[in-house]
Amino acid sequence: MVVVFGAVLAAARPGAAQDDGFPRAVIDAAGREVIIPTLPERIAAVGDYPALALVVPEGQIVPVDPAVDAADRAARSDLLILTDLAAASYPDLVAAADDAGVPVFEVGAVNGLAAWRDAVERLGMATGQDLRAAQVLARLDHRLDVIRRAVMPDAITRVLALTPEAYTFGEQTIFSDLAAAAGGINVAAAAGYDDYRQVDDEAIRTLAPDVIVLAGAWSAEAAADFAANPAYADVPAVQDGRVLRLPFSATFPDDPAAAALWMAIALHPGTLGVLVGR
């Protein structure tokens, strides 16, 4: 599983910038119409936004730390991209970009695969990387189609994600969509849990997942302790030895296509031979 997942992450993501169609107007996550005058060559980015790394070549992204010369870097870029939360937290940074005539493009939270697709499309338009964005989405569609055909004969697997703080991911989360795409069902979402909710031992026993994926900062030792906890001895996932550490972010995976593949193999181990190489 690790080898296959690593191979997917290492796959090349070719693409080319679209230098035509500028200036162009793009609606950002805040609902603002942002005018991009020319094809951006230097793109200042605040924080880690995985969809951006898939769409824009690494050499064009200039990381910006709001605490260190942020205003100067933003002003010397062709485009500033930051989350809506960062825009609200660092108004001076936004003002510096505005004063320098640098377009400010806000991105938002991702609460499902549809929102992730929308983010990729908007970023492709804003950065002139339309072809790369289209290729990223086509790769996801191909991967999901292969997974769907591979797991179709199997029964639905019930899965639960847990953080070290005992939070789980419910409805309107990308984890729920990935579970469904991989032939599973997020038992927390099925139980009506919304977003992120802390659960106790009784709730975990009641949800009775077939697979438990440990998300976030679980260490190997902590994961082993969890699986050996007598409080969970009657949970099917524990009984069958199907407690796994999640190798990607449950809230915003770097690559949903690779994440969906990992989920499919984790939920349906018999599909490994079908999925390899596709």
Protein backbone atom coordinates (compact mmCIF):
# COMPACT_ATOMS: atom_id res chain seq x y z
CA MET A 1 0.00 0.00 0.00
CA VAL A 2 2.79 2.42 0.93
CA VAL A 3 4.65 1.72 -2.33
CA VAL A 4 1.57 2.32 -4.47
CA PHE A 5 0.66 5.51 -2.58
CA GLY A 6 4.21 6.84 -2.93
CA ALA A 7 4.20 6.14 -6.65
CA VAL A 8 1.01 8.12 -7.13
CA LEU A 9 2.39 11.08 -5.20
CA ALA A 10 5.54 11.02 -7.32
CA ALA A 11 3.67 11.01 -10.63
CA ALA A 12 4.48 13.88 -12.98
CA ARG A 13 1.89 16.60 -13.37
CA PRO A 14 2.61 18.27 -16.72
CA GLY A 15 0.90 21.43 -17.89
CA ALA A 16 1.43 24.79 -19.47
CA ALA A 17 0.46 28.31 -18.55
CA GLN A 18 -2.13 30.04 -20.67
CA ASP A 19 -0.73 33.46 -21.53
CA ASP A 20 -3.77 34.40 -23.60
CA GLY A 21 -7.03 35.68 -22.22
CA PHE A 22 -5.50 38.37 -20.03
CA PRO A 23 -6.65 40.55 -18.49
CA ARG A 24 -9.26 38.25 -17.02
CA ALA A 25 -11.80 38.48 -14.22
CA VAL A 26 -12.08 35.64 -11.73
CA ILE A 27 -14.42 35.31 -8.76
CA ASP A 28 -12.52 34.36 -5.59
CA ALA A 29 -13.72 32.51 -2.49
CA ALA A 30 -14.87 35.78 -0.92
CA GLY A 31 -17.20 36.39 -3.87
CA ARG A 32 -15.11 39.30 -5.17
CA GLU A 33 -14.38 39.83 -8.85
CA VAL A 34 -10.59 39.98 -9.08
CA ILE A 35 -9.04 41.40 -12.25
CA ILE A 36 -5.78 39.66 -13.21
CA PRO A 37 -4.12 42.06 -15.70
CA THR A 38 -1.34 39.81 -17.05
CA LEU A 39 -0.13 36.22 -16.77
CA PRO A 40 1.34 36.03 -13.22
CA GLU A 41 4.98 34.94 -13.07
CA ARG A 42 5.65 35.54 -9.36
CA ILE A 43 2.82 34.37 -7.12
CA ALA A 44 3.05 35.27 -3.45
CA ALA A 45 1.28 32.74 -1.22
CA VAL A 46 0.54 32.90 2.51
CA GLY A 47 0.46 29.54 4.26
CA ASP A 48 0.06 26.07 2.82
CA TYR A 49 -2.82 25.59 0.39
CA PRO A 50 -2.39 22.15 -1.22
CA ALA A 51 -4.53 22.82 -4.30
CA LEU A 52 -2.22 25.69 -5.25
CA ALA A 53 0.83 23.41 -5.26
CA LEU A 54 -0.92 21.06 -7.70
CA VAL A 55 -1.84 23.84 -10.11
CA VAL A 56 1.19 26.17 -10.09
CA PRO A 57 4.81 25.09 -10.74
CA GLU A 58 6.85 25.25 -7.54
CA GLY A 59 9.33 27.78 -8.91
CA GLN A 60 6.60 30.39 -9.41
CA ILE A 61 5.32 30.32 -5.83
CA VAL A 62 6.92 32.76 -3.41
CA PRO A 63 6.11 31.74 0.20
CA VAL A 64 5.17 34.71 2.35
CA ASP A 65 5.46 34.75 6.13
CA PRO A 66 3.20 37.57 7.40
CA ALA A 67 5.69 38.23 10.22
CA VAL A 68 8.78 38.65 7.98
CA ASP A 69 8.92 41.22 5.15
CA ALA A 70 5.50 40.10 4.00
CA ALA A 71 4.36 43.44 2.65
CA ASP A 72 7.51 43.86 0.57
CA ARG A 73 7.26 40.38 -0.95
CA ALA A 74 3.57 40.81 -1.70
CA ALA A 75 4.18 44.16 -3.35
CA ARG A 76 6.90 42.68 -5.61
CA SER A 77 4.71 39.84 -6.85
CA ASP A 78 2.24 39.61 -9.71
CA LEU A 79 -0.49 38.02 -7.62
CA LEU A 80 -1.12 37.48 -3.89
CA ILE A 81 -3.01 34.34 -2.91
CA LEU A 82 -4.12 33.77 0.68
CA THR A 83 -6.96 32.19 2.59
CA ASP A 84 -9.96 34.27 3.61
CA LEU A 85 -8.89 33.78 7.24
CA ALA A 86 -5.38 35.12 6.51
CA ALA A 87 -6.86 38.09 4.65
CA ALA A 88 -8.90 38.98 7.72
CA SER A 89 -5.94 38.40 10.06
CA TYR A 90 -3.38 40.46 8.11
CA PRO A 91 -5.15 43.52 6.67
CA ASP A 92 -1.83 45.41 6.36
CA LEU A 93 -0.53 42.73 4.00
CA VAL A 94 -3.62 43.02 1.82
CA ALA A 95 -3.36 46.81 1.89
CA ALA A 96 0.30 46.69 0.80
CA ALA A 97 -0.63 44.53 -2.19
CA ASP A 98 -3.53 46.80 -3.08
CA ASP A 99 -1.30 49.89 -2.88
CA ALA A 100 1.20 48.24 -5.23
CA GLY A 101 -1.53 47.29 -7.69
CA VAL A 102 -1.09 43.57 -7.02
CA PRO A 103 -4.32 41.55 -7.36
CA VAL A 104 -5.36 39.81 -4.14
CA PHE A 105 -7.08 36.45 -4.63
CA GLU A 106 -8.68 34.75 -1.62
CA VAL A 107 -9.16 30.99 -1.32
CA GLY A 108 -11.42 29.27 1.17
CA ALA A 109 -11.94 26.12 3.16
CA VAL A 110 -12.59 22.85 1.33
CA ASN A 111 -15.56 20.89 2.68
CA GLY A 112 -15.78 18.21 0.00
CA LEU A 113 -14.55 17.08 -3.40
CA ALA A 114 -16.88 19.51 -5.17
CA ALA A 115 -15.34 22.42 -3.26
CA TRP A 116 -11.86 21.07 -4.04
CA ARG A 117 -12.69 20.93 -7.75
CA ASP A 118 -14.00 24.47 -7.61
CA ALA A 119 -10.82 25.67 -5.88
CA VAL A 120 -8.63 24.03 -8.52
CA GLU A 121 -10.64 25.55 -11.38
CA ARG A 122 -10.54 29.05 -9.87
CA LEU A 123 -6.82 28.81 -9.14
CA GLY A 124 -6.18 27.66 -12.70
CA MET A 125 -8.02 30.68 -14.05
CA ALA A 126 -6.38 33.15 -11.66
CA THR A 127 -2.83 31.93 -12.29
CA GLY A 128 -3.12 31.21 -16.01
CA GLN A 129 -2.54 27.51 -15.36
CA ASP A 130 -5.78 26.41 -17.00
CA LEU A 131 -4.27 23.33 -18.63
CA ARG A 132 -2.58 22.12 -15.45
CA ALA A 133 -5.83 22.60 -13.53
CA ALA A 134 -7.75 20.63 -16.17
CA GLN A 135 -5.15 17.83 -16.05
CA VAL A 136 -5.35 17.65 -12.24
CA LEU A 137 -9.13 17.30 -12.41
CA ALA A 138 -8.96 14.77 -15.26
CA ARG A 139 -6.50 12.67 -13.25
CA LEU A 140 -8.88 12.70 -10.27
CA ASP A 141 -11.83 11.70 -12.47
CA HIS A 142 -9.85 8.84 -14.00
CA ARG A 143 -8.71 7.62 -10.58
CA LEU A 144 -12.24 7.73 -9.15
CA ASP A 145 -13.59 5.85 -12.16
CA VAL A 146 -10.98 3.09 -11.77
CA ILE A 147 -11.73 2.84 -8.06
CA ARG A 148 -15.48 2.73 -8.63
CA ARG A 149 -15.17 -0.17 -11.07
CA ALA A 150 -12.70 -2.00 -8.82
CA VAL A 151 -14.75 -1.85 -5.62
CA MET A 152 -18.22 -2.11 -7.16
CA PRO A 153 -18.70 -5.82 -6.32
CA ASP A 154 -17.63 -5.33 -2.71
CA ALA A 155 -19.86 -4.58 0.24
CA ILE A 156 -19.82 -1.05 1.65
CA THR A 157 -17.14 -0.68 4.34
CA ARG A 158 -17.94 1.43 7.40
CA VAL A 159 -15.05 3.73 8.31
CA LEU A 160 -14.36 6.21 11.11
CA ALA A 161 -11.57 8.78 11.30
CA LEU A 162 -10.14 9.87 14.65
CA THR A 163 -7.61 12.50 15.65
CA PRO A 164 -5.39 12.10 18.74
CA GLU A 165 -7.78 14.47 20.53
CA ALA A 166 -10.69 12.12 19.72
CA TYR A 167 -12.28 14.38 17.12
CA THR A 168 -13.93 12.83 14.10
CA PHE A 169 -15.01 14.15 10.69
CA GLY A 170 -18.71 14.18 9.88
CA GLU A 171 -20.92 15.59 7.15
CA GLN A 172 -19.67 18.12 4.61
CA THR A 173 -16.02 17.14 4.92
CA ILE A 174 -13.66 15.96 2.22
CA PHE A 175 -13.03 12.82 4.27
CA SER A 176 -16.67 11.77 3.85
CA ASP A 177 -16.45 12.26 0.09
CA LEU A 178 -13.20 10.28 -0.13
CA ALA A 179 -14.74 7.45 1.88
CA ALA A 180 -17.75 7.33 -0.44
CA ALA A 181 -15.54 7.45 -3.55
CA ALA A 182 -13.54 4.51 -2.18
CA GLY A 183 -16.57 2.31 -1.66
CA GLY A 184 -17.08 3.14 1.98
CA ILE A 185 -19.32 5.13 4.25
CA ASN A 186 -18.22 7.55 6.94
CA VAL A 187 -20.15 6.26 9.94
CA ALA A 188 -19.90 9.63 11.71
CA ALA A 189 -21.57 11.38 8.77
CA ALA A 190 -24.19 8.62 8.53
CA ALA A 191 -24.95 9.18 12.21
CA GLY A 192 -25.59 12.87 11.52
CA TYR A 193 -22.37 14.30 12.93
CA ASP A 194 -21.60 17.62 11.30
CA ASP A 195 -18.12 18.90 10.49
CA TYR A 196 -15.82 18.03 13.37
CA ARG A 197 -17.00 16.60 16.66
CA GLN A 198 -15.29 15.10 19.66
CA VAL A 199 -16.42 11.57 20.46
CA ASP A 200 -16.10 9.42 23.56
CA ASP A 201 -15.47 5.69 23.94
CA GLU A 202 -19.18 4.87 24.00
CA ALA A 203 -19.77 6.71 20.73
CA ILE A 204 -16.93 4.81 19.05
CA ARG A 205 -18.42 1.51 20.21
CA THR A 206 -21.89 2.55 19.03
CA LEU A 207 -20.65 3.63 15.60
CA ALA A 208 -18.99 0.20 15.25
CA PRO A 209 -16.76 0.94 12.24
CA ASP A 210 -15.21 -1.82 10.15
CA VAL A 211 -12.09 0.33 9.68
CA ILE A 212 -10.65 3.08 11.85
CA VAL A 213 -8.18 5.52 10.32
CA LEU A 214 -6.11 7.57 12.72
CA ALA A 215 -5.73 11.08 11.34
CA GLY A 216 -3.35 13.83 12.31
CA ALA A 217 -0.39 13.49 14.65
CA TRP A 218 -0.83 9.91 15.81
CA SER A 219 2.50 8.28 16.61
CA ALA A 220 3.06 4.58 15.98
CA GLU A 221 3.16 4.02 19.74
CA ALA A 222 -0.08 5.91 20.36
CA ALA A 223 -1.77 4.02 17.52
CA ALA A 224 -0.71 0.69 19.03
CA ASP A 225 -1.98 1.79 22.44
CA PHE A 226 -5.34 2.73 20.92
CA ALA A 227 -5.71 -0.63 19.18
CA ALA A 228 -4.84 -2.44 22.43
CA ASN A 229 -7.25 -0.43 24.57
CA PRO A 230 -9.79 -2.87 26.09
CA ALA A 231 -12.45 -0.16 25.78
CA TYR A 232 -12.54 -0.88 22.04
CA ALA A 233 -12.22 -4.66 22.17
CA ASP A 234 -15.71 -5.19 20.74
CA VAL A 235 -15.34 -2.69 17.87
CA PRO A 236 -15.17 -4.60 14.53
CA ALA A 237 -12.19 -2.58 13.28
CA VAL A 238 -10.17 -3.50 16.37
CA GLN A 239 -11.27 -7.13 16.33
CA ASP A 240 -10.18 -7.50 12.69
CA GLY A 241 -6.92 -5.57 13.10
CA ARG A 242 -8.03 -2.79 10.75
CA VAL A 243 -6.80 0.27 12.62
CA LEU A 244 -4.61 2.29 10.25
CA ARG A 245 -2.69 5.56 10.43
CA LEU A 246 -3.83 7.99 7.74
CA PRO A 247 -0.87 9.19 5.60
CA PHE A 248 -2.56 12.41 4.44
CA SER A 249 -4.54 15.28 5.90
CA ALA A 250 -8.16 14.36 6.51
CA THR A 251 -9.20 17.99 6.21
CA PHE A 252 -7.26 18.99 3.08
CA PRO A 253 -5.19 16.23 1.44
CA ASP A 254 -2.31 17.30 -0.78
CA ASP A 255 -3.66 15.14 -3.62
CA PRO A 256 -7.22 13.79 -3.44
CA ALA A 257 -6.55 11.37 -6.31
CA ALA A 258 -3.78 9.69 -4.31
CA ALA A 259 -5.85 9.90 -1.12
CA ALA A 260 -8.81 8.16 -2.78
CA LEU A 261 -6.51 5.37 -3.98
CA TRP A 262 -5.14 4.84 -0.47
CA MET A 263 -8.67 4.80 0.95
CA ALA A 264 -9.82 2.24 -1.63
CA ILE A 265 -6.95 -0.10 -0.79
CA ALA A 266 -7.46 0.40 2.95
CA LEU A 267 -11.20 -0.27 2.79
CA HIS A 268 -11.00 -3.04 0.18
CA PRO A 269 -7.58 -4.76 0.41
CA GLY A 270 -8.59 -7.23 -2.30
CA THR A 271 -8.60 -4.45 -4.89
CA LEU A 272 -4.82 -3.90 -4.68
CA GLY A 273 -4.06 -6.03 -7.74
CA VAL A 274 -6.79 -4.33 -9.78
CA LEU A 275 -5.72 -0.80 -8.86
CA VAL A 276 -1.94 -1.08 -9.31
CA GLY A 277 -0.81 0.65 -12.47
CA ARG A 278 -4.17 2.19 -13.35
